[in-house]
C-alpha atoms as a PDB file:
ATOM      1  CA  MET A   1      -5.625   3.271  -1.042  1.00  0.00           C
ATOM      2  CA  SER A   2      -5.078   2.928   2.664  1.00  0.00           C
ATOM      3  CA  THR A   3      -5.651   0.675   5.632  1.00  0.00           C
ATOM      4  CA  GLN A   4      -6.120   2.087   9.092  1.00  0.00           C
ATOM      5  CA  VAL A   5      -5.612   1.065  12.710  1.00  0.00           C
ATOM      6  CA  ASP A   6      -7.560   2.800  15.515  1.00  0.00           C
ATOM      7  CA  VAL A   7      -6.479   3.029  19.153  1.00  0.00           C
ATOM      8  CA  GLN A   8      -9.312   4.009  21.547  1.00  0.00           C
ATOM      9  CA  LEU A   9      -8.217   6.228  24.464  1.00  0.00           C
ATOM     10  CA  VAL A  10     -11.307   5.499  26.594  1.00  0.00           C
ATOM     11  CA  SER A  11     -11.859   3.044  29.458  1.00  0.00           C
ATOM     12  CA  ASP A  12     -14.905   0.760  29.615  1.00  0.00           C
ATOM     13  CA  GLY A  13     -16.789   3.421  31.596  1.00  0.00           C
ATOM     14  CA  GLY A  14     -16.166   6.064  28.933  1.00  0.00           C
ATOM     15  CA  LEU A  15     -13.681   8.082  31.007  1.00  0.00           C
ATOM     16  CA  PRO A  16     -10.352   9.192  29.509  1.00  0.00           C
ATOM     17  CA  LEU A  17      -7.377   7.057  30.605  1.00  0.00           C
ATOM     18  CA  ALA A  18      -4.448   9.173  31.882  1.00  0.00           C
ATOM     19  CA  PRO A  19      -4.772  11.485  28.848  1.00  0.00           C
ATOM     20  CA  ALA A  20      -1.380  13.156  28.577  1.00  0.00           C
ATOM     21  CA  LYS A  21       0.919  10.231  29.368  1.00  0.00           C
ATOM     22  CA  PHE A  22      -1.250   7.558  27.797  1.00  0.00           C
ATOM     23  CA  GLU A  23      -1.829   9.475  24.580  1.00  0.00           C
ATOM     24  CA  ALA A  24       1.911  10.105  24.141  1.00  0.00           C
ATOM     25  CA  ALA A  25       2.770   6.453  24.870  1.00  0.00           C
ATOM     26  CA  ALA A  26      -0.008   5.134  22.618  1.00  0.00           C
ATOM     27  CA  THR A  27       1.161   7.423  19.822  1.00  0.00           C
ATOM     28  CA  ARG A  28       4.772   6.244  20.238  1.00  0.00           C
ATOM     29  CA  ALA A  29       3.696   2.599  20.291  1.00  0.00           C
ATOM     30  CA  LEU A  30       1.426   3.003  17.263  1.00  0.00           C
ATOM     31  CA  GLY A  31       4.249   4.768  15.414  1.00  0.00           C
ATOM     32  CA  LYS A  32       6.642   1.874  16.115  1.00  0.00           C
ATOM     33  CA  ILE A  33       4.053  -0.714  15.073  1.00  0.00           C
ATOM     34  CA  LEU A  34       3.150   1.069  11.841  1.00  0.00           C
ATOM     35  CA  GLU A  35       6.779   1.733  10.920  1.00  0.00           C
ATOM     36  CA  GLN A  36       7.482  -1.998  11.159  1.00  0.00           C
ATOM     37  CA  ALA A  37       4.308  -2.668   9.125  1.00  0.00           C
ATOM     38  CA  ARG A  38       5.473  -0.104   6.529  1.00  0.00           C
ATOM     39  CA  ILE A  39       8.830  -1.866   6.149  1.00  0.00           C
ATOM     40  CA  VAL A  40       7.134  -5.262   5.670  1.00  0.00           C
ATOM     41  CA  ALA A  41       4.588  -3.818   3.191  1.00  0.00           C
ATOM     42  CA  LYS A  42       7.317  -1.986   1.264  1.00  0.00           C
ATOM     43  CA  ASN A  43       9.380  -5.174   0.963  1.00  0.00           C
ATOM     44  CA  ALA A  44       6.292  -7.137  -0.123  1.00  0.00           C
ATOM     45  CA  ALA A  45       5.218  -4.517  -2.692  1.00  0.00           C
ATOM     46  CA  PRO A  46       6.122  -5.460  -6.255  1.00  0.00           C
ATOM     47  CA  GLY A  47       8.754  -3.660  -8.316  1.00  0.00           C
ATOM     48  CA  SER A  48       8.786   0.108  -8.349  1.00  0.00           C
ATOM     49  CA  LEU A  49       5.802   0.350  -5.969  1.00  0.00           C
ATOM     50  CA  GLY A  50       8.032  -0.838  -3.143  1.00  0.00           C
ATOM     51  CA  GLY A  51      10.809   1.538  -4.147  1.00  0.00           C
ATOM     52  CA  LYS A  52      12.885  -1.203  -5.765  1.00  0.00           C
ATOM     53  CA  ASN A  53      15.041  -0.298  -8.760  1.00  0.00           C
ATOM     54  CA  GLY A  54      14.896   3.423  -7.922  1.00  0.00           C
ATOM     55  CA  GLY A  55      11.090   3.462  -8.045  1.00  0.00           C
ATOM     56  CA  TYR A  56       8.393   5.372  -6.224  1.00  0.00           C
ATOM     57  CA  GLY A  57       8.624   3.976  -2.687  1.00  0.00           C
ATOM     58  CA  ALA A  58       4.945   4.744  -2.189  1.00  0.00           C
ATOM     59  CA  VAL A  59       4.155   2.951   1.103  1.00  0.00           C
ATOM     60  CA  ARG A  60       3.645   5.562   3.843  1.00  0.00           C
ATOM     61  CA  VAL A  61       2.528   5.884   7.473  1.00  0.00           C
ATOM     62  CA  ARG A  62       0.455   8.685   8.992  1.00  0.00           C
ATOM     63  CA  ILE A  63      -0.892   9.117  12.540  1.00  0.00           C
ATOM     64  CA  ILE A  64      -3.898  11.356  13.220  1.00  0.00           C
ATOM     65  CA  HIS A  65      -5.337  12.382  16.613  1.00  0.00           C
ATOM     66  CA  ASP A  66      -9.124  12.565  16.408  1.00  0.00           C
ATOM     67  CA  GLY A  67     -10.476  13.437  19.852  1.00  0.00           C
ATOM     68  CA  LYS A  68     -10.246  10.290  21.950  1.00  0.00           C
ATOM     69  CA  VAL A  69      -9.050   8.094  19.081  1.00  0.00           C
ATOM     70  CA  ILE A  70      -5.580   7.828  17.567  1.00  0.00           C
ATOM     71  CA  ILE A  71      -5.762   6.706  13.965  1.00  0.00           C
ATOM     72  CA  GLY A  72      -2.751   5.136  12.296  1.00  0.00           C
ATOM     73  CA  ILE A  73      -2.883   4.896   8.508  1.00  0.00           C
ATOM     74  CA  LEU A  74      -0.738   2.649   6.334  1.00  0.00           C
ATOM     75  CA  SER A  75      -1.191   3.718   2.716  1.00  0.00           C
ATOM     76  CA  ALA A  76       0.217   3.260  -0.765  1.00  0.00           C
ATOM     77  CA  THR A  77      -0.023   5.817  -3.547  1.00  0.00           C
ATOM     78  CA  ALA A  78       1.732   5.775  -6.884  1.00  0.00           C
ATOM     79  CA  ARG A  79       0.610   7.595  -9.998  1.00  0.00           C
ATOM     80  CA  ASN A  80       1.284   6.530 -13.562  1.00  0.00           C
ATOM     81  CA  ALA A  81       1.840   8.839 -16.538  1.00  0.00           C
ATOM     82  CA  GLU A  82      -1.919   9.399 -16.902  1.00  0.00           C
ATOM     83  CA  GLY A  83      -2.239  10.398 -13.217  1.00  0.00           C
ATOM     84  CA  LEU A  84      -4.078   7.248 -12.090  1.00  0.00           C
ATOM     85  CA  ASN A  85      -3.237   5.755  -8.691  1.00  0.00           C
ATOM     86  CA  PHE A  86      -2.098   2.300  -9.765  1.00  0.00           C
ATOM     87  CA  ALA A  87      -1.286   1.152  -6.195  1.00  0.00           C
ATOM     88  CA  TYR A  88      -4.990   0.339  -5.730  1.00  0.00           C
ATOM     89  CA  PHE A  89      -5.055  -1.873  -8.842  1.00  0.00           C
ATOM     90  CA  VAL A  90      -1.848  -3.688  -7.823  1.00  0.00           C
ATOM     91  CA  HIS A  91      -3.237  -4.338  -4.337  1.00  0.00           C
ATOM     92  CA  GLU A  92      -6.791  -5.323  -5.333  1.00  0.00           C
ATOM     93  CA  GLY A  93      -6.161  -6.902  -8.750  1.00  0.00           C
ATOM     94  CA  THR A  94      -7.812  -6.182 -12.092  1.00  0.00           C
ATOM     95  CA  GLY A  95     -10.045  -7.882 -14.634  1.00  0.00           C
ATOM     96  CA  LEU A  96     -11.146 -11.397 -13.697  1.00  0.00           C
ATOM     97  CA  TYR A  97      -9.132 -11.230 -10.465  1.00  0.00           C
ATOM     98  CA  GLY A  98     -10.188  -7.780  -9.272  1.00  0.00           C
ATOM     99  CA  PRO A  99     -12.998  -6.581  -7.000  1.00  0.00           C
ATOM    100  CA  GLY A 100     -16.516  -6.065  -8.277  1.00  0.00           C
ATOM    101  CA  GLU A 101     -17.689  -7.355 -11.632  1.00  0.00           C
ATOM    102  CA  LYS A 102     -15.336 -10.001 -13.037  1.00  0.00           C
ATOM    103  CA  HIS A 103     -14.589  -9.374 -16.708  1.00  0.00           C
ATOM    104  CA  TYR A 104     -11.875  -9.550 -19.334  1.00  0.00           C
ATOM    105  CA  ILE A 105      -9.958  -6.360 -20.050  1.00  0.00           C
ATOM    106  CA  LEU A 106     -10.761  -5.306 -23.620  1.00  0.00           C
ATOM    107  CA  PRO A 107      -9.371  -2.460 -25.743  1.00  0.00           C
ATOM    108  CA  LYS A 108     -11.564   0.664 -25.757  1.00  0.00           C
ATOM    109  CA  ARG A 109     -10.286   2.662 -28.740  1.00  0.00           C
ATOM    110  CA  LYS A 110      -8.228   0.201 -30.810  1.00  0.00           C
ATOM    111  CA  LYS A 111      -8.501  -3.434 -31.877  1.00  0.00           C
ATOM    112  CA  VAL A 112      -5.732  -4.735 -29.606  1.00  0.00           C
ATOM    113  CA  LEU A 113      -4.038  -4.024 -26.284  1.00  0.00           C
ATOM    114  CA  VAL A 114      -0.326  -3.164 -26.390  1.00  0.00           C
ATOM    115  CA  PHE A 115       2.071  -4.071 -23.555  1.00  0.00           C
ATOM    116  CA  LEU A 116       5.795  -3.825 -23.088  1.00  0.00           C
ATOM    117  CA  LYS A 117       7.373  -7.260 -22.733  1.00  0.00           C
ATOM    118  CA  ARG A 118       8.294  -8.135 -19.157  1.00  0.00           C
ATOM    119  CA  GLU A 119      12.049  -7.759 -19.728  1.00  0.00           C
ATOM    120  CA  TYR A 120      11.553  -4.232 -21.159  1.00  0.00           C
ATOM    121  CA  ARG A 121       9.126  -2.818 -18.552  1.00  0.00           C
ATOM    122  CA  HIS A 122      11.937  -0.848 -16.948  1.00  0.00           C
ATOM    123  CA  LEU A 123      12.123   1.326 -20.099  1.00  0.00           C
ATOM    124  CA  PRO A 124      10.084   4.539 -20.240  1.00  0.00           C
ATOM    125  CA  ARG A 125       6.686   4.144 -21.915  1.00  0.00           C
ATOM    126  CA  PRO A 126       6.563   5.803 -25.327  1.00  0.00           C
ATOM    127  CA  THR A 127       4.192   8.759 -25.533  1.00  0.00           C
ATOM    128  CA  THR A 128       4.063   9.180 -29.324  1.00  0.00           C
ATOM    129  CA  PRO A 129       3.105   6.887 -32.205  1.00  0.00           C
ATOM    130  CA  GLU A 130       6.699   7.135 -33.483  1.00  0.00           C
ATOM    131  CA  GLY A 131       7.997   5.949 -30.116  1.00  0.00           C
ATOM    132  CA  TRP A 132       5.674   2.937 -30.149  1.00  0.00           C
ATOM    133  CA  LYS A 133       6.686   2.188 -33.755  1.00  0.00           C
ATOM    134  CA  GLU A 134      10.359   2.181 -32.720  1.00  0.00           C
ATOM    135  CA  TYR A 135       9.620  -0.175 -29.810  1.00  0.00           C
ATOM    136  CA  ARG A 136       7.571  -2.444 -32.125  1.00  0.00           C
ATOM    137  CA  ILE A 137      10.440  -2.662 -34.626  1.00  0.00           C
ATOM    138  CA  LYS A 138      12.879  -3.527 -31.811  1.00  0.00           C
ATOM    139  CA  GLY A 139      10.497  -6.280 -30.570  1.00  0.00           C
ATOM    140  CA  TYR A 140       9.774  -4.693 -27.185  1.00  0.00           C
ATOM    141  CA  VAL A 141       5.962  -4.957 -27.375  1.00  0.00           C
ATOM    142  CA  VAL A 142       3.275  -7.643 -27.168  1.00  0.00           C
ATOM    143  CA  TYR A 143      -0.205  -7.388 -28.677  1.00  0.00           C
ATOM    144  CA  ALA A 144      -3.334  -8.992 -27.215  1.00  0.00           C
ATOM    145  CA  ARG A 145      -7.054  -8.930 -28.091  1.00  0.00           C
ATOM    146  CA  PHE A 146      -7.927  -9.175 -24.382  1.00  0.00           C
ATOM    147  CA  SER A 147      -6.337  -9.677 -20.966  1.00  0.00           C
ATOM    148  CA  HIS A 148      -7.430 -11.731 -17.969  1.00  0.00           C
ATOM    149  CA  GLY A 149      -6.110  -8.999 -15.683  1.00  0.00           C
ATOM    150  CA  MET A 150      -3.689  -9.110 -12.791  1.00  0.00           C
ATOM    151  CA  HIS A 151      -3.880 -11.146  -9.587  1.00  0.00           C
ATOM    152  CA  PRO A 152      -4.102  -9.054  -6.387  1.00  0.00           C
ATOM    153  CA  GLN A 153      -0.844  -8.520  -4.516  1.00  0.00           C
ATOM    154  CA  LYS A 154      -1.969  -7.729  -0.936  1.00  0.00           C
ATOM    155  CA  PHE A 155       1.226  -6.063   0.292  1.00  0.00           C
ATOM    156  CA  LEU A 156      -0.567  -3.730   2.753  1.00  0.00           C
ATOM    157  CA  GLU A 157      -2.300  -6.710   4.354  1.00  0.00           C
ATOM    158  CA  GLU A 158       1.104  -8.349   4.850  1.00  0.00           C
ATOM    159  CA  GLY A 159       2.219  -5.188   6.654  1.00  0.00           C
ATOM    160  CA  LEU A 160      -0.874  -5.196   8.876  1.00  0.00           C
ATOM    161  CA  ALA A 161      -0.370  -8.876   9.688  1.00  0.00           C
ATOM    162  CA  GLU A 162       3.079  -7.897  10.991  1.00  0.00           C
ATOM    163  CA  ALA A 163       1.468  -5.034  12.955  1.00  0.00           C
ATOM    164  CA  ARG A 164      -0.972  -7.454  14.602  1.00  0.00           C
ATOM    165  CA  ARG A 165       1.876  -9.830  15.428  1.00  0.00           C
ATOM    166  CA  ILE A 166       4.000  -7.232  17.255  1.00  0.00           C
ATOM    167  CA  ALA A 167       1.280  -4.900  18.641  1.00  0.00           C
ATOM    168  CA  LYS A 168       0.881  -6.512  22.077  1.00  0.00           C
ATOM    169  CA  ASP A 169       4.634  -6.599  22.727  1.00  0.00           C
ATOM    170  CA  VAL A 170       5.137  -2.980  21.660  1.00  0.00           C
ATOM    171  CA  PHE A 171       2.237  -1.691  23.798  1.00  0.00           C
ATOM    172  CA  ASN A 172       3.432  -3.774  26.782  1.00  0.00           C
ATOM    173  CA  ALA A 173       6.871  -2.181  26.428  1.00  0.00           C
ATOM    174  CA  GLU A 174       5.274   1.291  26.618  1.00  0.00           C
ATOM    175  CA  ILE A 175       3.091   0.602  29.694  1.00  0.00           C
ATOM    176  CA  PRO A 176       5.977   0.796  32.216  1.00  0.00           C
ATOM    177  CA  GLU A 177       6.784   4.272  30.918  1.00  0.00           C
ATOM    178  CA  ILE A 178       3.218   5.396  31.733  1.00  0.00           C
ATOM    179  CA  THR A 179       2.714   3.759  35.120  1.00  0.00           C
ATOM    180  CA  GLY A 180       6.279   3.258  36.299  1.00  0.00           C
ATOM    181  CA  VAL A 181       5.374  -0.389  36.989  1.00  0.00           C
ATOM    182  CA  SER A 182       6.999  -3.131  34.923  1.00  0.00           C
ATOM    183  CA  ILE A 183       4.924  -6.049  33.693  1.00  0.00           C
END
């Protein structure tokens, strides 16, 4: 899951604007903006997704040059034990609160859903029936016939809001380095 910011390196007439200097300055400015956005998004990301408690720290920044456009990408990727990217589901929500068709989350293969209680979610998930039995005996699990899902937690959007807030100031700070004229 990613969100991207594009910087066009073309004037209104379609001619390149001071390619070498402008491209380097625009890249520097976009890097500074996205790094600040990454920090805000990482701090807003819940639990291990934001790297808290020794977690994944999955919010990343990438800058790509595509001809006359510089593309800055703010993304989040985190895989669970089954290999699914759960960052998308945290960001967009699930079940009744998620995108697309609104529906309850129901069990597919069993009669009930099994969750670790909130205070025990830091423990590793059992991978065997014996492991789940041990957790059940200790009282670490909750059973439910259905789930409403999870509300979206738009941490990348919080990062991009910060990027929008500081973008003009960062680009204005880079312009004197291109032209030699201070604004």
